[in-house]
Amino acid sequence: MRFLVRERLLGFGDDYWIEDDRGNKAFLVDGKAMRLRDTFELKDTQGRVLIHIREKMFALRDTMLIERGGEPLARIRRKRLSLLRNHYRVSLVDGTDLDVSGKILDREFAVEYDGELLAVISRRFLHIRETYGVDVVREDTDPALLIAVAVCVIQLAEKEDDD
């Protein structure tokens, strides 16, 4: 499954559509403007909220939280020692950890579980700066969760770059 994420560079809020490989709208990332912390909702095409994403306010390291149906789903934060590449850990509530590594600011990274590739996020072959592809490699994974992970990791990396 391939998705195209088309971020808007300017506008009120951080809303943008994610399209499938046929150009159909699949998900809306609804950024909530005028908040003290970064907050997003991943919605389907009918406007139903699938995943809620928010920045954790009081944490030693920048942390993003993912919730589904009002229940915690995952926590994402940068690994402590990552010198040459950007590394993030996605801790799911069931105890599973996903590893995200690569050139985050270039939006080129891999999401892995126990060494097995789940998704590749890249803008390597795309010409528009604010567009990147999300290739979900395994059919049995949750594409909404992997897209939420991509949104979180890029948000955290951009925040680190601003600091």
N, C-alpha and C. Protein backbone atom coordinates (compact mmCIF):
# COMPACT_ATOMS: atom_id res chain seq x y z
N MET A 1 0.85 -1.17 0.00
CA MET A 1 0.00 0.00 0.00
C MET A 1 0.89 1.23 0.00
N ARG A 2 0.60 2.14 -0.87
CA ARG A 2 1.37 3.37 -0.95
C ARG A 2 0.44 4.55 -0.73
N PHE A 3 0.92 5.48 0.08
CA PHE A 3 0.17 6.69 0.36
C PHE A 3 1.04 7.90 0.05
N LEU A 4 0.42 8.99 -0.39
CA LEU A 4 1.12 10.25 -0.61
C LEU A 4 0.62 11.25 0.41
N VAL A 5 1.55 11.81 1.16
CA VAL A 5 1.25 12.81 2.18
C VAL A 5 1.60 14.16 1.58
N ARG A 6 0.61 15.04 1.51
CA ARG A 6 0.81 16.35 0.90
C ARG A 6 0.57 17.43 1.96
N GLU A 7 1.64 17.85 2.61
CA GLU A 7 1.55 18.88 3.64
C GLU A 7 1.37 20.25 3.00
N ARG A 8 0.63 21.11 3.69
CA ARG A 8 0.51 22.50 3.26
C ARG A 8 1.60 23.31 3.94
N LEU A 9 2.26 24.16 3.18
CA LEU A 9 3.33 24.97 3.76
C LEU A 9 2.77 26.17 4.52
N LEU A 10 1.70 26.76 4.01
CA LEU A 10 1.11 27.91 4.66
C LEU A 10 -0.37 27.68 4.85
N GLY A 11 -0.89 28.21 5.93
CA GLY A 11 -2.31 28.09 6.17
C GLY A 11 -2.59 28.11 7.66
N PHE A 12 -3.86 28.25 8.00
CA PHE A 12 -4.27 28.27 9.39
C PHE A 12 -4.47 26.84 9.84
N GLY A 13 -3.71 26.40 10.82
CA GLY A 13 -3.74 25.01 11.23
C GLY A 13 -2.80 24.20 10.36
N ASP A 14 -2.71 22.93 10.63
CA ASP A 14 -1.82 22.05 9.88
C ASP A 14 -2.62 20.93 9.24
N ASP A 15 -3.61 21.27 8.42
CA ASP A 15 -4.45 20.27 7.80
C ASP A 15 -3.86 19.86 6.46
N TYR A 16 -3.85 18.55 6.18
CA TYR A 16 -3.43 18.08 4.87
C TYR A 16 -3.99 16.68 4.63
N TRP A 17 -4.15 16.36 3.35
CA TRP A 17 -4.71 15.08 2.93
C TRP A 17 -3.62 14.07 2.65
N ILE A 18 -3.94 12.83 2.89
CA ILE A 18 -3.09 11.70 2.52
C ILE A 18 -3.88 10.91 1.50
N GLU A 19 -3.27 10.70 0.33
CA GLU A 19 -3.94 10.01 -0.77
C GLU A 19 -3.38 8.60 -0.93
N ASP A 20 -4.21 7.71 -1.47
CA ASP A 20 -3.71 6.36 -1.77
C ASP A 20 -2.97 6.40 -3.11
N ASP A 21 -2.50 5.24 -3.55
CA ASP A 21 -1.69 5.19 -4.77
C ASP A 21 -2.48 5.48 -6.04
N ARG A 22 -3.81 5.55 -5.95
CA ARG A 22 -4.65 5.89 -7.11
C ARG A 22 -5.06 7.36 -7.11
N GLY A 23 -4.58 8.13 -6.11
CA GLY A 23 -4.90 9.55 -6.04
C GLY A 23 -6.18 9.85 -5.28
N ASN A 24 -6.79 8.85 -4.67
CA ASN A 24 -8.00 9.06 -3.87
C ASN A 24 -7.63 9.49 -2.46
N LYS A 25 -8.40 10.41 -1.90
CA LYS A 25 -8.17 10.83 -0.52
C LYS A 25 -8.44 9.65 0.40
N ALA A 26 -7.49 9.39 1.31
CA ALA A 26 -7.62 8.25 2.23
C ALA A 26 -7.74 8.71 3.68
N PHE A 27 -6.92 9.68 4.08
CA PHE A 27 -6.91 10.19 5.45
C PHE A 27 -6.71 11.70 5.43
N LEU A 28 -7.26 12.37 6.44
CA LEU A 28 -7.03 13.79 6.65
C LEU A 28 -6.27 13.95 7.96
N VAL A 29 -5.14 14.66 7.91
CA VAL A 29 -4.45 15.04 9.14
C VAL A 29 -4.96 16.42 9.49
N ASP A 30 -5.71 16.50 10.58
CA ASP A 30 -6.35 17.73 11.02
C ASP A 30 -5.53 18.30 12.17
N GLY A 31 -4.70 19.31 11.87
CA GLY A 31 -3.89 19.96 12.89
C GLY A 31 -4.72 20.98 13.63
N LYS A 32 -4.63 20.95 14.94
CA LYS A 32 -5.40 21.87 15.77
C LYS A 32 -4.57 23.11 16.05
N ALA A 33 -4.98 24.24 15.51
CA ALA A 33 -4.27 25.50 15.68
C ALA A 33 -4.61 26.12 17.03
N MET A 34 -3.76 27.03 17.43
CA MET A 34 -3.98 27.82 18.66
C MET A 34 -4.00 26.95 19.91
N ARG A 35 -3.17 25.94 19.95
CA ARG A 35 -3.04 25.08 21.13
C ARG A 35 -1.66 25.28 21.74
N LEU A 36 -1.54 25.01 23.03
CA LEU A 36 -0.24 25.11 23.69
C LEU A 36 0.71 24.00 23.26
N ARG A 37 0.15 22.86 22.86
CA ARG A 37 0.98 21.75 22.42
C ARG A 37 0.50 21.29 21.05
N ASP A 38 1.38 20.61 20.34
CA ASP A 38 1.02 20.10 19.03
C ASP A 38 -0.06 19.03 19.19
N THR A 39 -1.14 19.19 18.44
CA THR A 39 -2.26 18.26 18.50
C THR A 39 -2.78 18.03 17.08
N PHE A 40 -3.00 16.75 16.74
CA PHE A 40 -3.50 16.38 15.42
C PHE A 40 -4.55 15.29 15.57
N GLU A 41 -5.44 15.21 14.59
CA GLU A 41 -6.36 14.09 14.50
C GLU A 41 -6.22 13.49 13.11
N LEU A 42 -6.12 12.18 13.04
CA LEU A 42 -6.10 11.48 11.77
C LEU A 42 -7.53 11.01 11.52
N LYS A 43 -8.14 11.51 10.44
CA LYS A 43 -9.54 11.23 10.15
C LYS A 43 -9.67 10.45 8.85
N ASP A 44 -10.77 9.68 8.74
CA ASP A 44 -11.06 9.03 7.47
C ASP A 44 -11.78 10.02 6.57
N THR A 45 -12.17 9.59 5.38
CA THR A 45 -12.78 10.51 4.41
C THR A 45 -14.18 10.97 4.82
N GLN A 46 -14.80 10.26 5.76
CA GLN A 46 -16.11 10.68 6.26
C GLN A 46 -16.00 11.61 7.47
N GLY A 47 -14.77 11.93 7.88
CA GLY A 47 -14.56 12.84 8.99
C GLY A 47 -14.50 12.17 10.36
N ARG A 48 -14.55 10.85 10.40
CA ARG A 48 -14.45 10.14 11.68
C ARG A 48 -13.00 10.15 12.16
N VAL A 49 -12.80 10.45 13.44
CA VAL A 49 -11.46 10.46 14.01
C VAL A 49 -11.01 9.03 14.23
N LEU A 50 -9.90 8.65 13.57
CA LEU A 50 -9.33 7.32 13.72
C LEU A 50 -8.27 7.30 14.81
N ILE A 51 -7.45 8.33 14.83
CA ILE A 51 -6.34 8.40 15.77
C ILE A 51 -6.17 9.86 16.21
N HIS A 52 -5.91 10.02 17.50
CA HIS A 52 -5.65 11.34 18.08
C HIS A 52 -4.17 11.39 18.45
N ILE A 53 -3.48 12.43 18.03
CA ILE A 53 -2.05 12.60 18.27
C ILE A 53 -1.84 13.89 19.05
N ARG A 54 -1.05 13.80 20.12
CA ARG A 54 -0.75 15.02 20.87
C ARG A 54 0.64 14.94 21.46
N GLU A 55 1.20 16.11 21.68
CA GLU A 55 2.50 16.22 22.31
C GLU A 55 2.32 16.08 23.82
N LYS A 56 3.19 15.33 24.46
CA LYS A 56 3.16 15.22 25.91
C LYS A 56 3.78 16.49 26.47
N MET A 57 3.06 17.16 27.36
CA MET A 57 3.49 18.47 27.85
C MET A 57 4.72 18.41 28.75
N PHE A 58 4.72 17.57 29.74
CA PHE A 58 5.80 17.55 30.71
C PHE A 58 6.58 16.25 30.60
N ALA A 59 7.68 16.32 29.87
CA ALA A 59 8.54 15.15 29.67
C ALA A 59 9.98 15.63 29.53
N LEU A 60 10.94 14.80 29.96
CA LEU A 60 12.35 15.16 29.83
C LEU A 60 12.77 15.26 28.37
N ARG A 61 12.26 14.35 27.54
CA ARG A 61 12.52 14.39 26.10
C ARG A 61 11.19 14.63 25.40
N ASP A 62 11.26 15.29 24.24
CA ASP A 62 10.02 15.51 23.48
C ASP A 62 9.36 14.17 23.21
N THR A 63 8.07 14.11 23.47
CA THR A 63 7.31 12.88 23.34
C THR A 63 5.97 13.18 22.69
N MET A 64 5.56 12.31 21.77
CA MET A 64 4.23 12.39 21.16
C MET A 64 3.45 11.17 21.61
N LEU A 65 2.15 11.36 21.85
CA LEU A 65 1.26 10.29 22.27
C LEU A 65 0.22 10.05 21.20
N ILE A 66 -0.07 8.78 20.94
CA ILE A 66 -1.09 8.39 19.97
C ILE A 66 -2.19 7.66 20.73
N GLU A 67 -3.44 8.07 20.49
CA GLU A 67 -4.59 7.44 21.13
C GLU A 67 -5.60 7.02 20.07
N ARG A 68 -6.32 5.95 20.37
CA ARG A 68 -7.41 5.49 19.50
C ARG A 68 -8.63 5.26 20.37
N GLY A 69 -9.72 5.92 20.03
CA GLY A 69 -10.95 5.75 20.79
C GLY A 69 -10.83 6.18 22.25
N GLY A 70 -10.00 7.20 22.51
CA GLY A 70 -9.81 7.69 23.86
C GLY A 70 -8.86 6.86 24.71
N GLU A 71 -8.33 5.78 24.14
CA GLU A 71 -7.40 4.91 24.86
C GLU A 71 -5.99 5.08 24.31
N PRO A 72 -4.98 5.06 25.19
CA PRO A 72 -3.59 5.15 24.71
C PRO A 72 -3.26 4.01 23.76
N LEU A 73 -2.50 4.32 22.72
CA LEU A 73 -2.08 3.32 21.74
C LEU A 73 -0.56 3.22 21.66
N ALA A 74 0.11 4.40 21.67
CA ALA A 74 1.57 4.38 21.53
C ALA A 74 2.18 5.68 22.06
N ARG A 75 3.48 5.59 22.38
CA ARG A 75 4.28 6.75 22.79
C ARG A 75 5.53 6.76 21.91
N ILE A 76 5.88 7.93 21.39
CA ILE A 76 7.02 8.04 20.48
C ILE A 76 7.99 9.06 21.06
N ARG A 77 9.27 8.65 21.13
CA ARG A 77 10.30 9.60 21.54
C ARG A 77 11.64 9.20 20.94
N ARG A 78 12.52 10.17 20.89
CA ARG A 78 13.86 9.95 20.33
C ARG A 78 14.66 9.07 21.27
N LYS A 79 15.43 8.14 20.68
CA LYS A 79 16.32 7.32 21.50
C LYS A 79 17.44 8.20 22.03
N ARG A 80 17.94 7.86 23.18
CA ARG A 80 18.96 8.71 23.83
C ARG A 80 20.25 8.79 23.04
N LEU A 81 20.80 7.70 22.61
CA LEU A 81 22.08 7.70 21.91
C LEU A 81 21.87 7.36 20.44
N SER A 82 21.82 8.38 19.62
CA SER A 82 21.69 8.17 18.18
C SER A 82 22.54 9.23 17.49
N LEU A 83 23.80 8.90 17.28
CA LEU A 83 24.76 9.89 16.80
C LEU A 83 24.73 10.12 15.30
N LEU A 84 24.71 9.05 14.51
CA LEU A 84 24.86 9.21 13.07
C LEU A 84 23.53 9.34 12.33
N ARG A 85 22.50 8.71 12.84
CA ARG A 85 21.19 8.75 12.20
C ARG A 85 20.15 9.09 13.26
N ASN A 86 19.02 9.53 12.83
CA ASN A 86 17.94 9.78 13.77
C ASN A 86 17.25 8.47 14.10
N HIS A 87 17.07 8.20 15.38
CA HIS A 87 16.39 6.99 15.84
C HIS A 87 15.29 7.37 16.82
N TYR A 88 14.13 6.79 16.60
CA TYR A 88 13.00 6.99 17.50
C TYR A 88 12.45 5.63 17.90
N ARG A 89 11.92 5.56 19.11
CA ARG A 89 11.27 4.34 19.59
C ARG A 89 9.78 4.61 19.71
N VAL A 90 9.00 3.69 19.15
CA VAL A 90 7.55 3.73 19.26
C VAL A 90 7.17 2.60 20.22
N SER A 91 6.69 2.96 21.39
CA SER A 91 6.30 1.98 22.40
C SER A 91 4.79 1.83 22.38
N LEU A 92 4.30 0.68 21.90
CA LEU A 92 2.86 0.41 21.88
C LEU A 92 2.42 -0.04 23.26
N VAL A 93 1.15 0.16 23.59
CA VAL A 93 0.67 -0.18 24.93
C VAL A 93 0.70 -1.68 25.20
N ASP A 94 0.74 -2.51 24.16
CA ASP A 94 0.80 -3.95 24.38
C ASP A 94 2.22 -4.45 24.67
N GLY A 95 3.18 -3.51 24.78
CA GLY A 95 4.56 -3.88 25.08
C GLY A 95 5.44 -4.02 23.87
N THR A 96 4.89 -3.92 22.68
CA THR A 96 5.65 -4.02 21.44
C THR A 96 6.38 -2.70 21.19
N ASP A 97 7.63 -2.79 20.73
CA ASP A 97 8.40 -1.60 20.37
C ASP A 97 8.71 -1.63 18.88
N LEU A 98 8.49 -0.51 18.23
CA LEU A 98 8.87 -0.32 16.84
C LEU A 98 10.07 0.61 16.81
N ASP A 99 10.96 0.40 15.85
CA ASP A 99 12.13 1.23 15.69
C ASP A 99 11.97 2.06 14.43
N VAL A 100 12.20 3.37 14.54
CA VAL A 100 12.14 4.27 13.40
C VAL A 100 13.51 4.88 13.24
N SER A 101 14.12 4.71 12.07
CA SER A 101 15.46 5.26 11.88
C SER A 101 15.64 5.73 10.45
N GLY A 102 16.54 6.68 10.30
CA GLY A 102 16.86 7.18 8.97
C GLY A 102 17.11 8.66 8.99
N LYS A 103 16.98 9.27 7.82
CA LYS A 103 17.19 10.71 7.66
C LYS A 103 15.84 11.39 7.84
N ILE A 104 15.48 11.65 9.09
CA ILE A 104 14.14 12.13 9.41
C ILE A 104 13.86 13.49 8.77
N LEU A 105 14.82 14.43 8.87
CA LEU A 105 14.57 15.76 8.32
C LEU A 105 14.42 15.74 6.81
N ASP A 106 15.01 14.74 6.15
CA ASP A 106 14.82 14.57 4.72
C ASP A 106 13.58 13.74 4.43
N ARG A 107 12.89 13.32 5.48
CA ARG A 107 11.69 12.48 5.38
C ARG A 107 11.99 11.18 4.65
N GLU A 108 13.09 10.55 5.02
CA GLU A 108 13.46 9.25 4.48
C GLU A 108 13.83 8.35 5.64
N PHE A 109 12.92 7.46 6.02
CA PHE A 109 13.20 6.59 7.14
C PHE A 109 12.39 5.31 7.05
N ALA A 110 12.77 4.34 7.89
CA ALA A 110 12.13 3.03 7.90
C ALA A 110 11.50 2.79 9.26
N VAL A 111 10.36 2.10 9.26
CA VAL A 111 9.70 1.67 10.49
C VAL A 111 9.84 0.16 10.54
N GLU A 112 10.45 -0.35 11.62
CA GLU A 112 10.71 -1.78 11.74
C GLU A 112 10.20 -2.33 13.06
N TYR A 113 9.86 -3.61 13.03
CA TYR A 113 9.54 -4.35 14.24
C TYR A 113 10.43 -5.57 14.28
N ASP A 114 11.26 -5.65 15.30
CA ASP A 114 12.14 -6.80 15.51
C ASP A 114 12.97 -7.10 14.25
N GLY A 115 13.48 -6.03 13.61
CA GLY A 115 14.31 -6.18 12.42
C GLY A 115 13.55 -6.38 11.12
N GLU A 116 12.23 -6.49 11.18
CA GLU A 116 11.42 -6.68 9.98
C GLU A 116 10.81 -5.35 9.55
N LEU A 117 10.98 -5.02 8.28
CA LEU A 117 10.50 -3.76 7.73
C LEU A 117 8.97 -3.75 7.66
N LEU A 118 8.35 -2.70 8.25
CA LEU A 118 6.90 -2.54 8.18
C LEU A 118 6.50 -1.47 7.17
N ALA A 119 7.28 -0.38 7.13
CA ALA A 119 6.95 0.72 6.22
C ALA A 119 8.19 1.52 5.91
N VAL A 120 8.17 2.16 4.73
CA VAL A 120 9.24 3.06 4.31
C VAL A 120 8.59 4.40 4.02
N ILE A 121 9.14 5.45 4.60
CA ILE A 121 8.64 6.79 4.36
C ILE A 121 9.74 7.54 3.61
N SER A 122 9.40 8.11 2.45
CA SER A 122 10.43 8.71 1.63
C SER A 122 9.86 9.80 0.74
N ARG A 123 10.67 10.81 0.51
CA ARG A 123 10.36 11.78 -0.54
C ARG A 123 11.46 11.77 -1.58
N ARG A 124 12.26 10.70 -1.57
CA ARG A 124 13.40 10.55 -2.46
C ARG A 124 13.01 10.71 -3.93
N PHE A 125 11.89 10.13 -4.35
CA PHE A 125 11.51 10.16 -5.75
C PHE A 125 10.43 11.20 -6.04
N LEU A 126 10.12 12.02 -5.07
CA LEU A 126 9.07 13.02 -5.25
C LEU A 126 9.71 14.39 -5.41
N HIS A 127 9.14 15.20 -6.28
CA HIS A 127 9.77 16.48 -6.60
C HIS A 127 9.23 17.64 -5.78
N ILE A 128 8.06 17.51 -5.24
CA ILE A 128 7.47 18.59 -4.46
C ILE A 128 7.95 18.47 -3.03
N ARG A 129 8.52 19.49 -2.49
CA ARG A 129 9.16 19.44 -1.16
C ARG A 129 8.20 18.99 -0.06
N GLU A 130 6.96 19.41 -0.11
CA GLU A 130 6.04 19.10 0.98
C GLU A 130 5.28 17.78 0.78
N THR A 131 5.71 16.96 -0.16
CA THR A 131 5.05 15.68 -0.42
C THR A 131 6.03 14.54 -0.16
N TYR A 132 5.56 13.50 0.53
CA TYR A 132 6.38 12.32 0.70
C TYR A 132 5.50 11.08 0.64
N GLY A 133 6.11 9.96 0.30
CA GLY A 133 5.39 8.70 0.17
C GLY A 133 5.54 7.85 1.41
N VAL A 134 4.48 7.12 1.72
CA VAL A 134 4.50 6.14 2.81
C VAL A 134 4.16 4.79 2.18
N ASP A 135 5.15 3.93 2.09
CA ASP A 135 4.94 2.58 1.54
C ASP A 135 4.79 1.61 2.70
N VAL A 136 3.58 1.08 2.87
CA VAL A 136 3.33 0.07 3.89
C VAL A 136 3.69 -1.27 3.28
N VAL A 137 4.72 -1.91 3.82
CA VAL A 137 5.29 -3.11 3.22
C VAL A 137 4.47 -4.35 3.57
N ARG A 138 4.08 -4.46 4.83
CA ARG A 138 3.33 -5.65 5.26
C ARG A 138 1.83 -5.39 5.21
N GLU A 139 1.12 -6.31 4.61
CA GLU A 139 -0.34 -6.17 4.46
C GLU A 139 -1.09 -6.25 5.78
N ASP A 140 -0.53 -6.95 6.78
CA ASP A 140 -1.24 -7.15 8.04
C ASP A 140 -0.98 -6.04 9.07
N THR A 141 -0.37 -4.93 8.65
CA THR A 141 -0.14 -3.82 9.57
C THR A 141 -1.27 -2.81 9.47
N ASP A 142 -1.33 -1.92 10.43
CA ASP A 142 -2.36 -0.89 10.52
C ASP A 142 -1.85 0.37 9.82
N PRO A 143 -2.33 0.67 8.59
CA PRO A 143 -1.80 1.83 7.87
C PRO A 143 -2.04 3.14 8.61
N ALA A 144 -3.17 3.29 9.29
CA ALA A 144 -3.44 4.53 10.03
C ALA A 144 -2.41 4.73 11.14
N LEU A 145 -2.05 3.66 11.83
CA LEU A 145 -1.04 3.76 12.88
C LEU A 145 0.32 4.14 12.29
N LEU A 146 0.70 3.53 11.18
CA LEU A 146 2.00 3.84 10.57
C LEU A 146 2.05 5.27 10.04
N ILE A 147 0.94 5.76 9.51
CA ILE A 147 0.89 7.15 9.07
C ILE A 147 0.98 8.08 10.28
N ALA A 148 0.29 7.74 11.37
CA ALA A 148 0.38 8.54 12.59
C ALA A 148 1.82 8.57 13.12
N VAL A 149 2.50 7.42 13.06
CA VAL A 149 3.91 7.36 13.47
C VAL A 149 4.75 8.30 12.61
N ALA A 150 4.53 8.29 11.30
CA ALA A 150 5.28 9.18 10.40
C ALA A 150 5.03 10.64 10.74
N VAL A 151 3.78 11.01 10.97
CA VAL A 151 3.43 12.39 11.33
C VAL A 151 4.14 12.79 12.62
N CYS A 152 4.14 11.91 13.62
CA CYS A 152 4.76 12.20 14.91
C CYS A 152 6.27 12.37 14.79
N VAL A 153 6.91 11.45 14.10
CA VAL A 153 8.37 11.49 13.99
C VAL A 153 8.82 12.74 13.24
N ILE A 154 8.14 13.10 12.18
CA ILE A 154 8.50 14.30 11.43
C ILE A 154 8.27 15.54 12.29
N GLN A 155 7.19 15.56 13.05
CA GLN A 155 6.90 16.69 13.94
C GLN A 155 7.99 16.83 15.01
N LEU A 156 8.40 15.71 15.61
CA LEU A 156 9.45 15.73 16.63
C LEU A 156 10.78 16.18 16.04
N ALA A 157 11.12 15.68 14.86
CA ALA A 157 12.39 16.04 14.22
C ALA A 157 12.43 17.53 13.86
N GLU A 158 11.32 18.06 13.36
CA GLU A 158 11.28 19.47 13.02
C GLU A 158 11.37 20.34 14.27
N LYS A 159 10.77 19.87 15.35
CA LYS A 159 10.84 20.61 16.61
C LYS A 159 12.28 20.62 17.13
N GLU A 160 12.98 19.50 17.05
CA GLU A 160 14.38 19.42 17.47
C GLU A 160 15.24 20.35 16.63
N ASP A 161 14.94 20.41 15.33
CA ASP A 161 15.72 21.27 14.44
C ASP A 161 15.52 22.74 14.78
N ASP A 162 14.31 23.10 15.22
CA ASP A 162 14.03 24.48 15.60
C ASP A 162 14.75 24.88 16.89
N ASP A 163 14.99 23.90 17.77
CA ASP A 163 15.64 24.17 19.07
C ASP A 163 17.09 24.38 18.92
